Amino acid sequence: MINCKETINYQGDLFYVRKKIKENQINPELIDSLKKYLDCDIVLKQNHQDGNILLFLILIPVAEIIEFIPK
């Protein structure tokens, strides 16, 4: 289980924020490798006044009710 402190709603899906990194602190060629290492589903770029921030996100799956048992 991931310790979730922040979630983001993006294109109708809910994501955990796994990691935030300033864009200027990482080589652009290593973003995909870091995404795989952190086991993330998507990386978004967030515009910020101090520079862009990369958000490494994990999709929160939608729950599916298989069987309803009345009380």
PDB file of N, CA and C in Angstrom:
ATOM      1  N   MET A   1       0.840  -1.185   0.000  1.00  0.00           N
ATOM      2  CA  MET A   1       0.000   0.000   0.000  1.00  0.00           C
ATOM      3  C   MET A   1       0.879   1.241   0.000  1.00  0.00           C
ATOM      4  N   ILE A   2       0.498   2.225  -0.756  1.00  0.00           N
ATOM      5  CA  ILE A   2       1.255   3.472  -0.858  1.00  0.00           C
ATOM      6  C   ILE A   2       0.713   4.476   0.142  1.00  0.00           C
ATOM      7  N   ASN A   3       1.624   5.143   0.850  1.00  0.00           N
ATOM      8  CA  ASN A   3       1.219   6.187   1.784  1.00  0.00           C
ATOM      9  C   ASN A   3       0.839   7.422   0.964  1.00  0.00           C
ATOM     10  N   CYS A   4      -0.446   7.647   0.812  1.00  0.00           N
ATOM     11  CA  CYS A   4      -0.955   8.702  -0.064  1.00  0.00           C
ATOM     12  C   CYS A   4      -1.187   9.993   0.714  1.00  0.00           C
ATOM     13  N   LYS A   5      -0.451  11.021   0.355  1.00  0.00           N
ATOM     14  CA  LYS A   5      -0.646  12.321   0.976  1.00  0.00           C
ATOM     15  C   LYS A   5      -1.385  13.273   0.044  1.00  0.00           C
ATOM     16  N   GLU A   6      -1.314  12.989  -1.255  1.00  0.00           N
ATOM     17  CA  GLU A   6      -1.923  13.898  -2.215  1.00  0.00           C
ATOM     18  C   GLU A   6      -2.478  13.098  -3.389  1.00  0.00           C
ATOM     19  N   THR A   7      -3.642  13.501  -3.869  1.00  0.00           N
ATOM     20  CA  THR A   7      -4.225  12.887  -5.048  1.00  0.00           C
ATOM     21  C   THR A   7      -4.542  13.968  -6.072  1.00  0.00           C
ATOM     22  N   ILE A   8      -4.605  13.556  -7.322  1.00  0.00           N
ATOM     23  CA  ILE A   8      -4.903  14.470  -8.421  1.00  0.00           C
ATOM     24  C   ILE A   8      -5.946  13.818  -9.311  1.00  0.00           C
ATOM     25  N   ASN A   9      -6.930  14.605  -9.729  1.00  0.00           N
ATOM     26  CA  ASN A   9      -7.924  14.158 -10.691  1.00  0.00           C
ATOM     27  C   ASN A   9      -7.466  14.641 -12.061  1.00  0.00           C
ATOM     28  N   TYR A  10      -7.196  13.704 -12.975  1.00  0.00           N
ATOM     29  CA  TYR A  10      -6.709  14.052 -14.308  1.00  0.00           C
ATOM     30  C   TYR A  10      -7.479  13.242 -15.344  1.00  0.00           C
ATOM     31  N   GLN A  11      -8.136  13.904 -16.251  1.00  0.00           N
ATOM     32  CA  GLN A  11      -8.925  13.300 -17.321  1.00  0.00           C
ATOM     33  C   GLN A  11      -9.916  12.262 -16.791  1.00  0.00           C
ATOM     34  N   GLY A  12     -10.561  12.586 -15.680  1.00  0.00           N
ATOM     35  CA  GLY A  12     -11.600  11.728 -15.133  1.00  0.00           C
ATOM     36  C   GLY A  12     -11.108  10.570 -14.289  1.00  0.00           C
ATOM     37  N   ASP A  13      -9.789  10.439 -14.119  1.00  0.00           N
ATOM     38  CA  ASP A  13      -9.219   9.386 -13.289  1.00  0.00           C
ATOM     39  C   ASP A  13      -8.552   9.997 -12.066  1.00  0.00           C
ATOM     40  N   LEU A  14      -8.447   9.213 -11.009  1.00  0.00           N
ATOM     41  CA  LEU A  14      -7.823   9.665  -9.780  1.00  0.00           C
ATOM     42  C   LEU A  14      -6.443   9.020  -9.652  1.00  0.00           C
ATOM     43  N   PHE A  15      -5.439   9.826  -9.279  1.00  0.00           N
ATOM     44  CA  PHE A  15      -4.062   9.370  -9.195  1.00  0.00           C
ATOM     45  C   PHE A  15      -3.456   9.726  -7.845  1.00  0.00           C
ATOM     46  N   TYR A  16      -2.574   8.837  -7.346  1.00  0.00           N
ATOM     47  CA  TYR A  16      -1.704   9.156  -6.216  1.00  0.00           C
ATOM     48  C   TYR A  16      -0.523   9.942  -6.753  1.00  0.00           C
ATOM     49  N   VAL A  17      -0.052  10.935  -6.014  1.00  0.00           N
ATOM     50  CA  VAL A  17       1.200  11.610  -6.365  1.00  0.00           C
ATOM     51  C   VAL A  17       2.313  10.829  -5.674  1.00  0.00           C
ATOM     52  N   ARG A  18       3.072  10.077  -6.463  1.00  0.00           N
ATOM     53  CA  ARG A  18       4.145   9.235  -5.925  1.00  0.00           C
ATOM     54  C   ARG A  18       5.400  10.064  -5.623  1.00  0.00           C
ATOM     55  N   LYS A  19       5.718  10.996  -6.541  1.00  0.00           N
ATOM     56  CA  LYS A  19       6.947  11.783  -6.391  1.00  0.00           C
ATOM     57  C   LYS A  19       6.800  13.085  -7.152  1.00  0.00           C
ATOM     58  N   LYS A  20       7.381  14.162  -6.596  1.00  0.00           N
ATOM     59  CA  LYS A  20       7.460  15.457  -7.271  1.00  0.00           C
ATOM     60  C   LYS A  20       8.932  15.814  -7.416  1.00  0.00           C
ATOM     61  N   ILE A  21       9.312  16.191  -8.632  1.00  0.00           N
ATOM     62  CA  ILE A  21      10.708  16.563  -8.898  1.00  0.00           C
ATOM     63  C   ILE A  21      10.708  17.802  -9.773  1.00  0.00           C
ATOM     64  N   LYS A  22      11.556  18.767  -9.444  1.00  0.00           N
ATOM     65  CA  LYS A  22      11.695  19.950 -10.298  1.00  0.00           C
ATOM     66  C   LYS A  22      12.313  19.515 -11.626  1.00  0.00           C
ATOM     67  N   GLU A  23      11.757  20.047 -12.694  1.00  0.00           N
ATOM     68  CA  GLU A  23      12.177  19.626 -14.028  1.00  0.00           C
ATOM     69  C   GLU A  23      13.666  19.876 -14.280  1.00  0.00           C
ATOM     70  N   ASN A  24      14.205  20.933 -13.703  1.00  0.00           N
ATOM     71  CA  ASN A  24      15.618  21.242 -13.932  1.00  0.00           C
ATOM     72  C   ASN A  24      16.562  20.365 -13.112  1.00  0.00           C
ATOM     73  N   GLN A  25      16.025  19.491 -12.254  1.00  0.00           N
ATOM     74  CA  GLN A  25      16.864  18.620 -11.429  1.00  0.00           C
ATOM     75  C   GLN A  25      17.027  17.218 -12.015  1.00  0.00           C
ATOM     76  N   ILE A  26      16.453  16.977 -13.182  1.00  0.00           N
ATOM     77  CA  ILE A  26      16.535  15.648 -13.780  1.00  0.00           C
ATOM     78  C   ILE A  26      16.836  15.769 -15.266  1.00  0.00           C
ATOM     79  N   ASN A  27      17.654  14.870 -15.748  1.00  0.00           N
ATOM     80  CA  ASN A  27      17.965  14.796 -17.170  1.00  0.00           C
ATOM     81  C   ASN A  27      16.715  14.292 -17.893  1.00  0.00           C
ATOM     82  N   PRO A  28      16.240  15.005 -18.923  1.00  0.00           N
ATOM     83  CA  PRO A  28      15.018  14.595 -19.618  1.00  0.00           C
ATOM     84  C   PRO A  28      15.062  13.165 -20.164  1.00  0.00           C
ATOM     85  N   GLU A  29      16.253  12.671 -20.467  1.00  0.00           N
ATOM     86  CA  GLU A  29      16.387  11.309 -20.992  1.00  0.00           C
ATOM     87  C   GLU A  29      16.118  10.252 -19.920  1.00  0.00           C
ATOM     88  N   LEU A  30      16.182  10.637 -18.651  1.00  0.00           N
ATOM     89  CA  LEU A  30      16.007   9.676 -17.558  1.00  0.00           C
ATOM     90  C   LEU A  30      14.587   9.641 -16.993  1.00  0.00           C
ATOM     91  N   ILE A  31      13.704  10.478 -17.514  1.00  0.00           N
ATOM     92  CA  ILE A  31      12.342  10.546 -16.976  1.00  0.00           C
ATOM     93  C   ILE A  31      11.622   9.208 -17.135  1.00  0.00           C
ATOM     94  N   ASP A  32      11.731   8.588 -18.299  1.00  0.00           N
ATOM     95  CA  ASP A  32      11.048   7.317 -18.525  1.00  0.00           C
ATOM     96  C   ASP A  32      11.614   6.215 -17.619  1.00  0.00           C
ATOM     97  N   SER A  33      12.920   6.209 -17.426  1.00  0.00           N
ATOM     98  CA  SER A  33      13.536   5.217 -16.534  1.00  0.00           C
ATOM     99  C   SER A  33      13.068   5.405 -15.096  1.00  0.00           C
ATOM    100  N   LEU A  34      12.974   6.652 -14.656  1.00  0.00           N
ATOM    101  CA  LEU A  34      12.506   6.933 -13.302  1.00  0.00           C
ATOM    102  C   LEU A  34      11.033   6.562 -13.153  1.00  0.00           C
ATOM    103  N   LYS A  35      10.260   6.795 -14.198  1.00  0.00           N
ATOM    104  CA  LYS A  35       8.842   6.410 -14.191  1.00  0.00           C
ATOM    105  C   LYS A  35       8.707   4.902 -13.982  1.00  0.00           C
ATOM    106  N   LYS A  36       9.519   4.128 -14.674  1.00  0.00           N
ATOM    107  CA  LYS A  36       9.491   2.667 -14.514  1.00  0.00           C
ATOM    108  C   LYS A  36       9.983   2.259 -13.128  1.00  0.00           C
ATOM    109  N   TYR A  37      11.038   2.897 -12.644  1.00  0.00           N
ATOM    110  CA  TYR A  37      11.596   2.571 -11.329  1.00  0.00           C
ATOM    111  C   TYR A  37      10.580   2.833 -10.210  1.00  0.00           C
ATOM    112  N   LEU A  38       9.849   3.937 -10.317  1.00  0.00           N
ATOM    113  CA  LEU A  38       8.843   4.284  -9.307  1.00  0.00           C
ATOM    114  C   LEU A  38       7.520   3.562  -9.535  1.00  0.00           C
ATOM    115  N   ASP A  39       7.442   2.781 -10.615  1.00  0.00           N
ATOM    116  CA  ASP A  39       6.247   2.013 -10.962  1.00  0.00           C
ATOM    117  C   ASP A  39       5.035   2.939 -11.133  1.00  0.00           C
ATOM    118  N   CYS A  40       5.240   4.036 -11.867  1.00  0.00           N
ATOM    119  CA  CYS A  40       4.185   5.025 -12.089  1.00  0.00           C
ATOM    120  C   CYS A  40       3.497   4.790 -13.427  1.00  0.00           C
ATOM    121  N   ASP A  41       2.260   5.265 -13.516  1.00  0.00           N
ATOM    122  CA  ASP A  41       1.483   5.114 -14.740  1.00  0.00           C
ATOM    123  C   ASP A  41       1.643   6.297 -15.687  1.00  0.00           C
ATOM    124  N   ILE A  42       1.884   7.478 -15.135  1.00  0.00           N
ATOM    125  CA  ILE A  42       1.922   8.686 -15.960  1.00  0.00           C
ATOM    126  C   ILE A  42       2.807   9.735 -15.280  1.00  0.00           C
ATOM    127  N   VAL A  43       3.407  10.588 -16.104  1.00  0.00           N
ATOM    128  CA  VAL A  43       4.190  11.726 -15.608  1.00  0.00           C
ATOM    129  C   VAL A  43       3.580  12.988 -16.199  1.00  0.00           C
ATOM    130  N   LEU A  44       3.229  13.921 -15.326  1.00  0.00           N
ATOM    131  CA  LEU A  44       2.662  15.193 -15.776  1.00  0.00           C
ATOM    132  C   LEU A  44       3.619  16.331 -15.433  1.00  0.00           C
ATOM    133  N   LYS A  45       3.567  17.373 -16.255  1.00  0.00           N
ATOM    134  CA  LYS A  45       4.366  18.570 -15.994  1.00  0.00           C
ATOM    135  C   LYS A  45       3.427  19.638 -15.458  1.00  0.00           C
ATOM    136  N   GLN A  46       3.738  20.161 -14.271  1.00  0.00           N
ATOM    137  CA  GLN A  46       2.917  21.195 -13.642  1.00  0.00           C
ATOM    138  C   GLN A  46       3.675  22.512 -13.695  1.00  0.00           C
ATOM    139  N   ASN A  47       3.041  23.537 -14.268  1.00  0.00           N
ATOM    140  CA  ASN A  47       3.667  24.859 -14.322  1.00  0.00           C
ATOM    141  C   ASN A  47       3.615  25.491 -12.950  1.00  0.00           C
ATOM    142  N   HIS A  48       4.748  26.021 -12.522  1.00  0.00           N
ATOM    143  CA  HIS A  48       4.863  26.639 -11.206  1.00  0.00           C
ATOM    144  C   HIS A  48       5.679  27.910 -11.367  1.00  0.00           C
ATOM    145  N   GLN A  49       5.490  28.861 -10.497  1.00  0.00           N
ATOM    146  CA  GLN A  49       6.201  30.139 -10.626  1.00  0.00           C
ATOM    147  C   GLN A  49       7.717  29.992 -10.494  1.00  0.00           C
ATOM    148  N   ASP A  50       8.170  28.957  -9.779  1.00  0.00           N
ATOM    149  CA  ASP A  50       9.610  28.726  -9.612  1.00  0.00           C
ATOM    150  C   ASP A  50      10.178  27.783 -10.672  1.00  0.00           C
ATOM    151  N   GLY A  51       9.373  27.386 -11.622  1.00  0.00           N
ATOM    152  CA  GLY A  51       9.787  26.442 -12.661  1.00  0.00           C
ATOM    153  C   GLY A  51       8.820  25.272 -12.718  1.00  0.00           C
ATOM    154  N   ASN A  52       8.972  24.457 -13.741  1.00  0.00           N
ATOM    155  CA  ASN A  52       8.073  23.327 -13.910  1.00  0.00           C
ATOM    156  C   ASN A  52       8.400  22.208 -12.927  1.00  0.00           C
ATOM    157  N   ILE A  53       7.358  21.494 -12.504  1.00  0.00           N
ATOM    158  CA  ILE A  53       7.502  20.360 -11.597  1.00  0.00           C
ATOM    159  C   ILE A  53       6.945  19.133 -12.301  1.00  0.00           C
ATOM    160  N   LEU A  54       7.702  18.032 -12.255  1.00  0.00           N
ATOM    161  CA  LEU A  54       7.233  16.773 -12.811  1.00  0.00           C
ATOM    162  C   LEU A  54       6.528  15.991 -11.713  1.00  0.00           C
ATOM    163  N   LEU A  55       5.315  15.539 -12.011  1.00  0.00           N
ATOM    164  CA  LEU A  55       4.531  14.753 -11.071  1.00  0.00           C
ATOM    165  C   LEU A  55       4.490  13.311 -11.560  1.00  0.00           C
ATOM    166  N   PHE A  56       4.997  12.401 -10.749  1.00  0.00           N
ATOM    167  CA  PHE A  56       4.969  10.976 -11.070  1.00  0.00           C
ATOM    168  C   PHE A  56       3.739  10.390 -10.379  1.00  0.00           C
ATOM    169  N   LEU A  57       2.796   9.889 -11.181  1.00  0.00           N
ATOM    170  CA  LEU A  57       1.478   9.521 -10.679  1.00  0.00           C
ATOM    171  C   LEU A  57       1.181   8.034 -10.856  1.00  0.00           C
ATOM    172  N   ILE A  58       0.402   7.495  -9.897  1.00  0.00           N
ATOM    173  CA  ILE A  58      -0.066   6.115  -9.948  1.00  0.00           C
ATOM    174  C   ILE A  58      -1.586   6.137  -9.977  1.00  0.00           C
ATOM    175  N   LEU A  59      -2.151   5.443 -10.942  1.00  0.00           N
ATOM    176  CA  LEU A  59      -3.601   5.388 -11.104  1.00  0.00           C
ATOM    177  C   LEU A  59      -4.247   4.646  -9.942  1.00  0.00           C
ATOM    178  N   ILE A  60      -5.301   5.234  -9.390  1.00  0.00           N
ATOM    179  CA  ILE A  60      -6.105   4.569  -8.359  1.00  0.00           C
ATOM    180  C   ILE A  60      -7.223   3.836  -9.101  1.00  0.00           C
ATOM    181  N   PRO A  61      -7.244   2.497  -9.022  1.00  0.00           N
ATOM    182  CA  PRO A  61      -8.259   1.757  -9.777  1.00  0.00           C
ATOM    183  C   PRO A  61      -9.668   2.017  -9.251  1.00  0.00           C
ATOM    184  N   VAL A  62     -10.610   1.953 -10.151  1.00  0.00           N
ATOM    185  CA  VAL A  62     -12.018   2.126  -9.803  1.00  0.00           C
ATOM    186  C   VAL A  62     -12.519   0.815  -9.200  1.00  0.00           C
ATOM    187  N   ALA A  63     -13.210   0.914  -8.076  1.00  0.00           N
ATOM    188  CA  ALA A  63     -13.744  -0.282  -7.426  1.00  0.00           C
ATOM    189  C   ALA A  63     -14.938  -0.803  -8.205  1.00  0.00           C
ATOM    190  N   GLU A  64     -15.017  -2.105  -8.293  1.00  0.00           N
ATOM    191  CA  GLU A  64     -16.123  -2.747  -8.982  1.00  0.00           C
ATOM    192  C   GLU A  64     -16.842  -3.664  -7.982  1.00  0.00           C
ATOM    193  N   ILE A  65     -18.145  -3.446  -7.838  1.00  0.00           N
ATOM    194  CA  ILE A  65     -18.930  -4.283  -6.918  1.00  0.00           C
ATOM    195  C   ILE A  65     -19.271  -5.576  -7.652  1.00  0.00           C
ATOM    196  N   ILE A  66     -18.804  -6.668  -7.104  1.00  0.00           N
ATOM    197  CA  ILE A  66     -19.017  -7.968  -7.742  1.00  0.00           C
ATOM    198  C   ILE A  66     -20.353  -8.584  -7.309  1.00  0.00           C
ATOM    199  N   GLU A  67     -20.642  -8.482  -6.011  1.00  0.00           N
ATOM    200  CA  GLU A  67     -21.874  -9.062  -5.492  1.00  0.00           C
ATOM    201  C   GLU A  67     -22.366  -8.225  -4.337  1.00  0.00           C
ATOM    202  N   PHE A  68     -23.634  -7.967  -4.312  1.00  0.00           N
ATOM    203  CA  PHE A  68     -24.224  -7.206  -3.221  1.00  0.00           C
ATOM    204  C   PHE A  68     -24.968  -8.171  -2.317  1.00  0.00           C
ATOM    205  N   ILE A  69     -24.613  -8.182  -1.026  1.00  0.00           N
ATOM    206  CA  ILE A  69     -25.258  -9.052  -0.050  1.00  0.00           C
ATOM    207  C   ILE A  69     -26.092  -8.180   0.882  1.00  0.00           C
ATOM    208  N   PRO A  70     -27.413  -8.267   0.805  1.00  0.00           N
ATOM    209  CA  PRO A  70     -28.262  -7.435   1.690  1.00  0.00           C
ATOM    210  C   PRO A  70     -28.152  -7.885   3.140  1.00  0.00           C
ATOM    211  N   LYS A  71     -28.409  -6.966   4.052  1.00  0.00           N
ATOM    212  CA  LYS A  71     -28.340  -7.270   5.488  1.00  0.00           C
ATOM    213  C   LYS A  71     -29.578  -7.959   5.950  1.00  0.00           C
TER     214      LYS A  71
END
